[in-house]
Amino acid sequence: ATAASASAVALPSPPPPLPAGPPPPLPPERSLTEQLLELEADLQPTSSQIAQKDWVTTTLQPLLEKHSGGRLSMFGSCENGFWMNGSDVDACLIIRRCTQKQSWVTKLNLVKCLVQSHRLGTAEVVAKARVPVAKVNTSDGMELCDISVNNVAALENSCFVRTFAQLDPRVPSLGRFIKHWASRRRINNRSEGTLSTYTLMLQLFYFLQTRGVPVLPRVSDLLTEDCSAARDALLAQASAAPSAASTGSSASSGGGGGVGGGIGAGAAGGSSFARALNAFARGPELDNDTGELRPLPFLSGFEDIVARTPGLVGRNTESLGDLLHGYFELWGREEFAGGRTVYVYDAEREENELGVLVMRCPLTHNNVNPFTPSVWRAIHSEYGRAAYLLRNGRRFAELCQAAEESPAGRGPRMGR
């Protein structure tokens, strides 16, 4: 009996009763902003990533430039202001008179030989990719960087993205949050048929251009003086020849406003012409004889943009939470479930008959991310889900709960 009494005394006391109800939530936008600020530090590139980039600059770059006759430039997230934890390093060798895919592969094989002969690691040439690359790794298999040749459109795109990122500190923060969400939901992998990072950034830019008080300017307001003069000359030419524009005999010879083809058939009647900077830029991005890149066709300096768009930069004061919530509300709208074509060039959108989102690059006018209708509907449902959760006060971590499968049906998440 004594032992039993001692045993009874030793039992732990029951847990305290739960409170009658949860504590009152913080205002949703404020709560979301606080969550985002807590997360932001975790999304920054790590010290090892920064050291990796420094190694490319101080060790690999001089070696490749010495033996290839070109120059190495970085691009992508490590250069455009949206670098984050887990992002890779992309670099491009710019080499004159190297215009064919087989020539690029030859230069990439040289990269492989140099890396391995100097015992810097290993390299694998992926020759059959849309853009061939040399994947450079450490000796124990850790990825160091991907190198391509004359990928000059990507270089110019990176300069454009960096230009917008510098205009407001909220822009790169929002980009990292959106990319984190899209990666967790398995809709940020173009090789699987889902969203490229460039598409995500263009969606963000369009959203920020179209706020009640815009955060970002239209690209059409940032043309250099040469490009503005070329655009004005094309408009004047179209206005002076309305019959040619309407019949398609001269001004429409570029295929209804394609890049480099001048003004589309409807320009003289007041509708838009090619909504892309390359329609007005002089020459290609790269001079193959000299290996020199052309001047950027848009303003890229902060002070120049502020002077060109007085009263725009810094006027919007919405919180990170307000803006992120608004981003998901916009892209979750039912209108985007069908076909819409979006132009960051002039912050406009229009219906299309494709049943998918078409994001037009403001530089090239290309559709940057073709989708199948079924994949786009699945992606759009993710925007709707995110908007619904935020509308109901759910935490950002719940939005970013890892998805088991890609909407493209390419199998379960790997490396969990």
Protein backbone atom coordinates (compact mmCIF):
# COMPACT_ATOMS: atom_id res chain seq x y z
CA ALA A 1 0.00 0.00 0.00
CA THR A 2 2.87 2.35 0.83
CA ALA A 3 4.55 1.71 -2.54
CA ALA A 4 1.28 2.35 -4.34
CA SER A 5 0.84 5.62 -2.47
CA ALA A 6 4.37 6.72 -3.38
CA SER A 7 3.75 5.85 -7.02
CA ALA A 8 0.56 7.89 -7.02
CA VAL A 9 2.34 10.88 -5.55
CA ALA A 10 5.02 10.67 -8.27
CA LEU A 11 2.55 11.05 -11.12
CA PRO A 12 2.96 14.37 -13.01
CA SER A 13 0.25 16.95 -12.61
CA PRO A 14 -2.17 17.33 -15.52
CA PRO A 15 -1.44 20.05 -18.08
CA PRO A 16 -3.07 23.43 -17.52
CA PRO A 17 -6.37 23.92 -19.34
CA LEU A 18 -6.22 25.46 -22.79
CA PRO A 19 -7.35 29.06 -23.09
CA ALA A 20 -10.96 29.55 -24.04
CA GLY A 21 -10.01 30.70 -27.54
CA PRO A 22 -7.03 31.80 -29.63
CA PRO A 23 -5.61 35.25 -28.99
CA PRO A 24 -7.03 37.93 -31.24
CA PRO A 25 -5.05 37.94 -34.52
CA LEU A 26 -2.99 40.90 -35.60
CA PRO A 27 -4.36 42.92 -38.51
CA PRO A 28 -3.78 40.63 -41.55
CA GLU A 29 -1.52 42.95 -43.54
CA ARG A 30 0.60 43.86 -40.52
CA SER A 31 0.85 40.22 -39.52
CA LEU A 32 1.88 39.24 -43.04
CA THR A 33 4.50 41.97 -43.19
CA GLU A 34 5.99 40.77 -39.91
CA GLN A 35 6.12 37.21 -41.22
CA LEU A 36 7.85 38.36 -44.38
CA LEU A 37 10.45 40.38 -42.51
CA GLU A 38 11.23 37.34 -40.35
CA LEU A 39 11.60 35.16 -43.43
CA GLU A 40 13.70 37.60 -45.43
CA ALA A 41 16.96 36.87 -43.64
CA ASP A 42 16.60 33.16 -44.40
CA LEU A 43 16.13 33.86 -48.11
CA GLN A 44 19.33 35.89 -48.52
CA PRO A 45 22.26 34.21 -50.31
CA THR A 46 24.59 32.42 -47.93
CA SER A 47 28.22 33.27 -47.25
CA SER A 48 29.24 30.15 -49.19
CA GLN A 49 27.27 31.35 -52.22
CA ILE A 50 29.00 34.72 -52.04
CA ALA A 51 32.38 32.98 -51.77
CA GLN A 52 31.45 30.81 -54.75
CA LYS A 53 30.68 33.88 -56.85
CA ASP A 54 33.95 35.50 -55.75
CA TRP A 55 35.81 32.35 -56.83
CA VAL A 56 34.28 32.56 -60.29
CA THR A 57 35.36 36.21 -60.55
CA THR A 58 38.88 35.86 -59.17
CA THR A 59 39.92 32.39 -60.33
CA LEU A 60 37.79 31.08 -63.18
CA GLN A 61 37.19 34.33 -65.06
CA PRO A 62 40.87 35.22 -65.69
CA LEU A 63 41.63 31.67 -66.81
CA LEU A 64 38.76 31.46 -69.29
CA GLU A 65 39.31 34.95 -70.67
CA LYS A 66 43.01 34.27 -71.23
CA HIS A 67 42.45 31.10 -73.26
CA SER A 68 39.09 31.73 -74.98
CA GLY A 69 39.71 35.20 -76.34
CA GLY A 70 36.42 36.37 -74.85
CA ARG A 71 35.21 37.93 -71.64
CA LEU A 72 33.10 36.38 -68.91
CA SER A 73 30.04 38.21 -67.60
CA MET A 74 27.59 37.01 -64.96
CA PHE A 75 23.84 37.24 -65.40
CA GLY A 76 20.64 35.97 -63.84
CA SER A 77 19.74 36.23 -60.18
CA CYS A 78 23.33 36.58 -58.97
CA GLU A 79 23.49 39.89 -60.88
CA ASN A 80 19.95 41.23 -61.17
CA GLY A 81 19.14 41.95 -57.52
CA PHE A 82 17.03 38.83 -56.85
CA TRP A 83 19.76 36.44 -55.71
CA MET A 84 18.62 34.22 -52.85
CA ASN A 85 19.53 31.20 -50.80
CA GLY A 86 19.91 28.20 -53.11
CA SER A 87 20.16 30.15 -56.37
CA ASP A 88 22.98 29.23 -58.70
CA VAL A 89 25.58 31.34 -60.52
CA ASP A 90 25.18 31.85 -64.27
CA ALA A 91 27.88 33.28 -66.50
CA CYS A 92 28.30 33.93 -70.20
CA LEU A 93 31.41 34.00 -72.35
CA ILE A 94 31.14 36.80 -74.90
CA ILE A 95 33.24 35.86 -77.94
CA ARG A 96 33.32 37.63 -81.30
CA ARG A 97 32.63 35.73 -84.51
CA CYS A 98 31.13 32.79 -82.63
CA THR A 99 27.59 32.58 -83.95
CA GLN A 100 26.80 28.91 -84.53
CA LYS A 101 25.67 26.41 -81.92
CA GLN A 102 28.53 24.05 -82.76
CA SER A 103 31.01 26.87 -82.23
CA TRP A 104 29.51 27.49 -78.81
CA VAL A 105 29.86 23.80 -77.93
CA THR A 106 33.53 23.89 -79.03
CA LYS A 107 34.19 26.81 -76.67
CA LEU A 108 32.36 25.02 -73.86
CA ASN A 109 34.55 21.95 -74.38
CA LEU A 110 37.51 24.30 -73.97
CA VAL A 111 36.01 25.44 -70.67
CA LYS A 112 35.76 21.81 -69.58
CA CYS A 113 39.39 21.11 -70.49
CA LEU A 114 40.65 24.22 -68.68
CA VAL A 115 38.71 23.48 -65.51
CA GLN A 116 39.93 19.90 -65.34
CA SER A 117 43.52 20.47 -66.47
CA HIS A 118 43.99 23.19 -63.85
CA ARG A 119 42.41 20.92 -61.22
CA LEU A 120 39.66 23.42 -60.42
CA GLY A 121 36.98 20.76 -60.38
CA THR A 122 34.94 18.96 -63.01
CA ALA A 123 32.78 20.15 -65.89
CA GLU A 124 30.07 18.62 -68.04
CA VAL A 125 29.01 20.09 -71.38
CA VAL A 126 25.26 19.88 -72.04
CA ALA A 127 25.38 20.30 -75.80
CA LYS A 128 21.77 19.42 -76.61
CA ALA A 129 20.17 22.04 -74.38
CA ARG A 130 18.30 24.92 -76.01
CA VAL A 131 21.21 27.07 -74.82
CA PRO A 132 24.27 24.79 -74.47
CA VAL A 133 26.08 25.14 -71.14
CA ALA A 134 29.15 23.89 -69.32
CA LYS A 135 28.19 22.89 -65.79
CA VAL A 136 31.21 23.48 -63.55
CA ASN A 137 31.34 21.58 -60.24
CA THR A 138 33.83 21.10 -57.43
CA SER A 139 35.75 17.85 -57.28
CA ASP A 140 33.21 16.47 -54.82
CA GLY A 141 30.26 17.37 -57.05
CA MET A 142 29.05 20.68 -55.61
CA GLU A 143 27.71 22.95 -58.34
CA LEU A 144 29.78 26.10 -58.92
CA CYS A 145 28.33 27.76 -62.01
CA ASP A 146 26.77 27.26 -65.44
CA ILE A 147 28.58 28.86 -68.37
CA SER A 148 27.06 29.62 -71.78
CA VAL A 149 28.42 31.40 -74.86
CA ASN A 150 27.07 34.63 -76.37
CA ASN A 151 23.82 34.39 -74.44
CA VAL A 152 23.53 38.13 -74.89
CA ALA A 153 19.73 38.37 -74.66
CA ALA A 154 19.98 36.97 -71.13
CA LEU A 155 22.64 39.56 -70.28
CA GLU A 156 20.38 42.39 -71.43
CA ASN A 157 17.38 40.90 -69.62
CA SER A 158 19.44 40.81 -66.42
CA CYS A 159 20.32 44.49 -66.81
CA PHE A 160 16.64 45.28 -67.27
CA VAL A 161 15.58 43.30 -64.19
CA ARG A 162 18.36 44.90 -62.13
CA THR A 163 17.20 48.34 -63.27
CA PHE A 164 13.71 47.76 -61.85
CA ALA A 165 15.08 46.08 -58.70
CA GLN A 166 17.11 49.17 -57.78
CA LEU A 167 14.13 51.54 -57.90
CA ASP A 168 12.52 50.40 -54.64
CA PRO A 169 13.90 48.13 -51.88
CA ARG A 170 10.55 46.32 -51.69
CA VAL A 171 10.95 45.02 -55.26
CA PRO A 172 13.79 42.50 -54.66
CA SER A 173 12.21 41.47 -51.35
CA LEU A 174 8.89 40.72 -53.05
CA GLY A 175 10.69 38.85 -55.82
CA ARG A 176 12.39 36.55 -53.32
CA PHE A 177 9.13 35.86 -51.46
CA ILE A 178 7.34 35.04 -54.72
CA LYS A 179 10.13 32.81 -55.98
CA HIS A 180 10.23 30.98 -52.62
CA TRP A 181 6.47 30.41 -52.79
CA ALA A 182 6.58 29.26 -56.42
CA SER A 183 9.47 26.88 -55.77
CA ARG A 184 7.71 25.33 -52.78
CA ARG A 185 4.52 24.89 -54.81
CA ARG A 186 6.53 23.37 -57.69
CA ILE A 187 5.51 25.93 -60.29
CA ASN A 188 8.94 27.54 -60.80
CA ASN A 189 10.65 25.16 -63.21
CA ARG A 190 10.48 25.96 -66.88
CA SER A 191 11.98 22.57 -67.78
CA GLU A 192 8.79 21.05 -66.30
CA GLY A 193 6.59 23.40 -68.28
CA THR A 194 5.84 25.76 -65.38
CA LEU A 195 6.97 29.32 -64.60
CA SER A 196 10.46 30.58 -65.30
CA THR A 197 11.92 33.01 -62.79
CA TYR A 198 11.92 35.70 -65.49
CA THR A 199 8.17 35.22 -65.95
CA LEU A 200 7.63 35.58 -62.19
CA MET A 201 9.61 38.83 -62.22
CA LEU A 202 7.66 40.20 -65.18
CA GLN A 203 4.40 39.34 -63.39
CA LEU A 204 5.68 41.22 -60.34
CA PHE A 205 6.71 44.23 -62.43
CA TYR A 206 3.34 44.40 -64.16
CA PHE A 207 1.55 44.25 -60.82
CA LEU A 208 3.72 47.05 -59.42
CA GLN A 209 3.18 49.16 -62.55
CA THR A 210 -0.59 48.93 -62.18
CA ARG A 211 -1.13 49.78 -58.52
CA GLY A 212 -3.37 52.77 -57.77
CA VAL A 213 -0.14 54.56 -56.94
CA PRO A 214 2.43 52.81 -59.18
CA VAL A 215 5.65 51.49 -57.70
CA LEU A 216 7.42 51.03 -61.04
CA PRO A 217 7.33 52.96 -64.33
CA ARG A 218 6.29 51.64 -67.70
CA VAL A 219 9.22 50.47 -69.81
CA SER A 220 7.93 52.67 -72.64
CA ASP A 221 8.75 55.69 -70.46
CA LEU A 222 12.40 54.64 -70.13
CA LEU A 223 13.52 54.57 -73.77
CA THR A 224 16.87 56.18 -74.44
CA GLU A 225 16.91 59.29 -76.62
CA ASP A 226 17.96 57.27 -79.69
CA CYS A 227 15.16 54.74 -79.18
CA SER A 228 12.60 57.47 -78.53
CA ALA A 229 13.62 59.20 -81.77
CA ALA A 230 13.33 55.90 -83.67
CA ARG A 231 9.88 55.26 -82.21
CA ASP A 232 8.68 58.76 -83.04
CA ALA A 233 9.97 58.41 -86.60
CA LEU A 234 8.11 55.13 -87.04
CA LEU A 235 4.92 56.65 -85.68
CA ALA A 236 5.25 59.62 -88.01
CA GLN A 237 5.85 57.28 -90.94
CA ALA A 238 2.72 55.30 -90.09
CA SER A 239 0.61 58.43 -89.71
CA ALA A 240 1.79 59.68 -93.08
CA ALA A 241 0.91 56.44 -94.84
CA PRO A 242 -2.42 55.19 -93.45
CA SER A 243 -3.31 53.32 -96.61
CA ALA A 244 -0.09 51.35 -96.53
CA ALA A 245 -0.67 50.44 -92.90
CA SER A 246 -4.24 49.34 -93.52
CA THR A 247 -3.37 47.18 -96.53
CA GLY A 248 -0.31 45.71 -94.88
CA SER A 249 1.85 46.58 -97.91
CA SER A 250 4.64 48.41 -96.11
CA ALA A 251 4.36 49.21 -92.42
CA SER A 252 2.90 45.80 -91.60
CA SER A 253 5.63 43.86 -93.35
CA GLY A 254 7.05 42.91 -89.96
CA GLY A 255 4.21 40.49 -89.28
CA GLY A 256 1.81 42.70 -87.37
CA GLY A 257 4.23 44.30 -84.99
CA GLY A 258 6.91 41.67 -84.58
CA VAL A 259 10.30 42.68 -83.27
CA GLY A 260 12.41 44.52 -85.77
CA GLY A 261 9.60 44.60 -88.31
CA GLY A 262 8.47 48.16 -87.71
CA ILE A 263 4.94 49.20 -86.91
CA GLY A 264 2.06 46.78 -86.96
CA ALA A 265 -0.86 47.07 -89.36
CA GLY A 266 -3.10 49.01 -87.04
CA ALA A 267 -0.64 51.68 -85.94
CA ALA A 268 -1.93 54.47 -88.15
CA GLY A 269 -5.40 53.97 -86.77
CA GLY A 270 -4.22 54.53 -83.21
CA SER A 271 -3.68 50.96 -81.96
CA SER A 272 -0.36 49.85 -80.53
CA PHE A 273 2.74 48.94 -82.47
CA ALA A 274 5.46 46.50 -81.46
CA ARG A 275 5.59 46.70 -77.67
CA ALA A 276 9.27 45.97 -77.29
CA LEU A 277 12.49 47.94 -77.09
CA ASN A 278 14.20 45.94 -79.82
CA ALA A 279 11.74 47.38 -82.31
CA PHE A 280 13.54 50.71 -81.89
CA ALA A 281 17.07 49.73 -80.86
CA ARG A 282 19.88 50.07 -83.36
CA GLY A 283 21.55 46.84 -84.34
CA PRO A 284 21.66 43.45 -82.61
CA GLU A 285 22.67 43.01 -78.98
CA LEU A 286 26.17 41.83 -80.02
CA ASP A 287 28.43 43.09 -82.81
CA ASN A 288 29.88 39.82 -84.08
CA ASP A 289 32.92 41.51 -85.65
CA THR A 290 34.03 43.37 -82.54
CA GLY A 291 32.45 41.33 -79.77
CA GLU A 292 31.04 44.52 -78.26
CA LEU A 293 27.58 44.73 -76.74
CA ARG A 294 25.32 47.53 -77.93
CA PRO A 295 24.36 50.34 -75.54
CA LEU A 296 21.28 49.48 -73.49
CA PRO A 297 18.09 50.69 -75.22
CA PHE A 298 16.59 51.81 -71.89
CA LEU A 299 17.63 54.11 -69.07
CA SER A 300 19.35 52.12 -66.34
CA GLY A 301 20.63 54.76 -63.93
CA PHE A 302 18.55 55.53 -60.85
CA GLU A 303 18.92 59.31 -61.14
CA ASP A 304 18.12 59.25 -64.87
CA ILE A 305 14.90 57.31 -64.22
CA VAL A 306 13.86 59.60 -61.37
CA ALA A 307 14.37 62.60 -63.66
CA ARG A 308 12.38 60.95 -66.48
CA THR A 309 9.46 59.92 -64.22
CA PRO A 310 9.08 62.76 -61.71
CA GLY A 311 6.93 61.98 -58.69
CA LEU A 312 6.79 58.22 -59.31
CA VAL A 313 9.73 56.62 -57.50
CA GLY A 314 9.12 56.50 -53.74
CA ARG A 315 5.52 57.75 -53.78
CA ASN A 316 3.85 54.40 -53.07
CA THR A 317 4.05 53.60 -49.34
CA GLU A 318 2.19 50.28 -49.14
CA SER A 319 3.64 47.62 -46.85
CA LEU A 320 5.26 44.41 -48.05
CA GLY A 321 2.19 42.55 -46.81
CA ASP A 322 -0.20 44.82 -48.71
CA LEU A 323 1.77 44.40 -51.89
CA LEU A 324 2.27 40.65 -51.69
CA HIS A 325 -1.41 40.12 -50.92
CA GLY A 326 -2.31 42.37 -53.85
CA TYR A 327 0.00 40.43 -56.16
CA PHE A 328 -1.81 37.16 -55.45
CA GLU A 329 -5.22 38.83 -55.68
CA LEU A 330 -4.38 40.19 -59.13
CA TRP A 331 -3.04 36.98 -60.66
CA GLY A 332 -5.70 34.88 -58.94
CA ARG A 333 -8.50 36.76 -60.70
CA GLU A 334 -10.79 34.65 -62.83
CA GLU A 335 -9.98 36.69 -65.94
CA PHE A 336 -6.45 35.26 -65.93
CA ALA A 337 -7.73 31.68 -65.91
CA GLY A 338 -8.43 32.17 -69.61
CA GLY A 339 -6.21 33.69 -72.24
CA ARG A 340 -4.54 37.01 -71.42
CA THR A 341 -1.51 38.66 -73.00
CA VAL A 342 0.40 40.99 -70.68
CA TYR A 343 2.84 43.72 -71.68
CA VAL A 344 5.28 45.13 -69.16
CA TYR A 345 6.41 47.47 -71.94
CA ASP A 346 3.35 49.71 -71.50
CA ALA A 347 1.58 48.07 -68.51
CA GLU A 348 -1.34 46.86 -70.62
CA ARG A 349 -3.11 43.54 -71.04
CA GLU A 350 -5.54 42.10 -73.58
CA GLU A 351 -7.51 38.95 -74.18
CA ASN A 352 -6.09 36.18 -76.37
CA GLU A 353 -7.60 33.00 -77.80
CA LEU A 354 -4.89 30.66 -76.53
CA GLY A 355 -6.43 29.99 -73.13
CA VAL A 356 -3.11 30.68 -71.37
CA LEU A 357 -1.12 33.57 -69.95
CA VAL A 358 1.27 35.11 -72.47
CA MET A 359 3.94 37.33 -70.89
CA ARG A 360 5.63 39.44 -73.56
CA CYS A 361 9.26 40.34 -72.93
CA PRO A 362 9.53 44.15 -72.97
CA LEU A 363 12.87 43.90 -74.79
CA THR A 364 12.29 41.23 -77.43
CA HIS A 365 8.47 40.95 -77.58
CA ASN A 366 8.88 37.17 -77.26
CA ASN A 367 6.45 35.04 -75.28
CA VAL A 368 8.87 34.26 -72.48
CA ASN A 369 7.09 31.18 -71.13
CA PRO A 370 4.77 29.10 -73.34
CA PHE A 371 2.31 26.91 -71.42
CA THR A 372 -0.17 24.20 -72.24
CA PRO A 373 -3.73 25.19 -71.21
CA SER A 374 -3.93 22.45 -68.58
CA VAL A 375 -0.64 23.46 -66.94
CA TRP A 376 -1.60 27.13 -66.96
CA ARG A 377 -4.95 26.36 -65.31
CA ALA A 378 -3.09 24.44 -62.58
CA ILE A 379 -0.67 27.33 -62.10
CA HIS A 380 -3.52 29.84 -61.99
CA SER A 381 -5.24 27.75 -59.32
CA GLU A 382 -2.13 28.17 -57.18
CA TYR A 383 -2.51 31.95 -57.40
CA GLY A 384 -6.16 31.59 -56.45
CA ARG A 385 -5.25 29.36 -53.51
CA ALA A 386 -2.67 31.86 -52.25
CA ALA A 387 -5.10 34.77 -52.54
CA TYR A 388 -7.80 32.80 -50.72
CA LEU A 389 -5.50 31.84 -47.85
CA LEU A 390 -4.25 35.39 -47.35
CA ARG A 391 -7.79 36.76 -47.60
CA ASN A 392 -8.66 34.51 -44.68
CA GLY A 393 -5.73 35.52 -42.51
CA ARG A 394 -3.62 32.39 -42.98
CA ARG A 395 0.12 32.50 -42.51
CA PHE A 396 2.56 32.81 -45.39
CA ALA A 397 4.15 29.52 -44.32
CA GLU A 398 0.86 27.79 -45.16
CA LEU A 399 0.94 29.29 -48.66
CA CYS A 400 4.41 27.82 -49.06
CA GLN A 401 3.58 24.31 -47.88
CA ALA A 402 5.54 21.96 -50.15
CA ALA A 403 3.51 20.53 -53.04
CA GLU A 404 3.90 16.83 -53.72
CA GLU A 405 3.64 17.05 -57.49
CA SER A 406 4.33 19.51 -60.27
CA PRO A 407 1.23 20.74 -62.14
CA ALA A 408 2.92 19.45 -65.27
CA GLY A 409 2.64 15.91 -63.93
CA ARG A 410 6.35 15.19 -63.85
CA GLY A 411 6.27 13.14 -60.68
CA PRO A 412 6.75 13.73 -56.95
CA ARG A 413 9.01 16.30 -55.35
CA MET A 414 12.62 15.13 -55.30
CA GLY A 415 15.23 15.66 -52.62
CA ARG A 416 12.79 16.34 -49.79
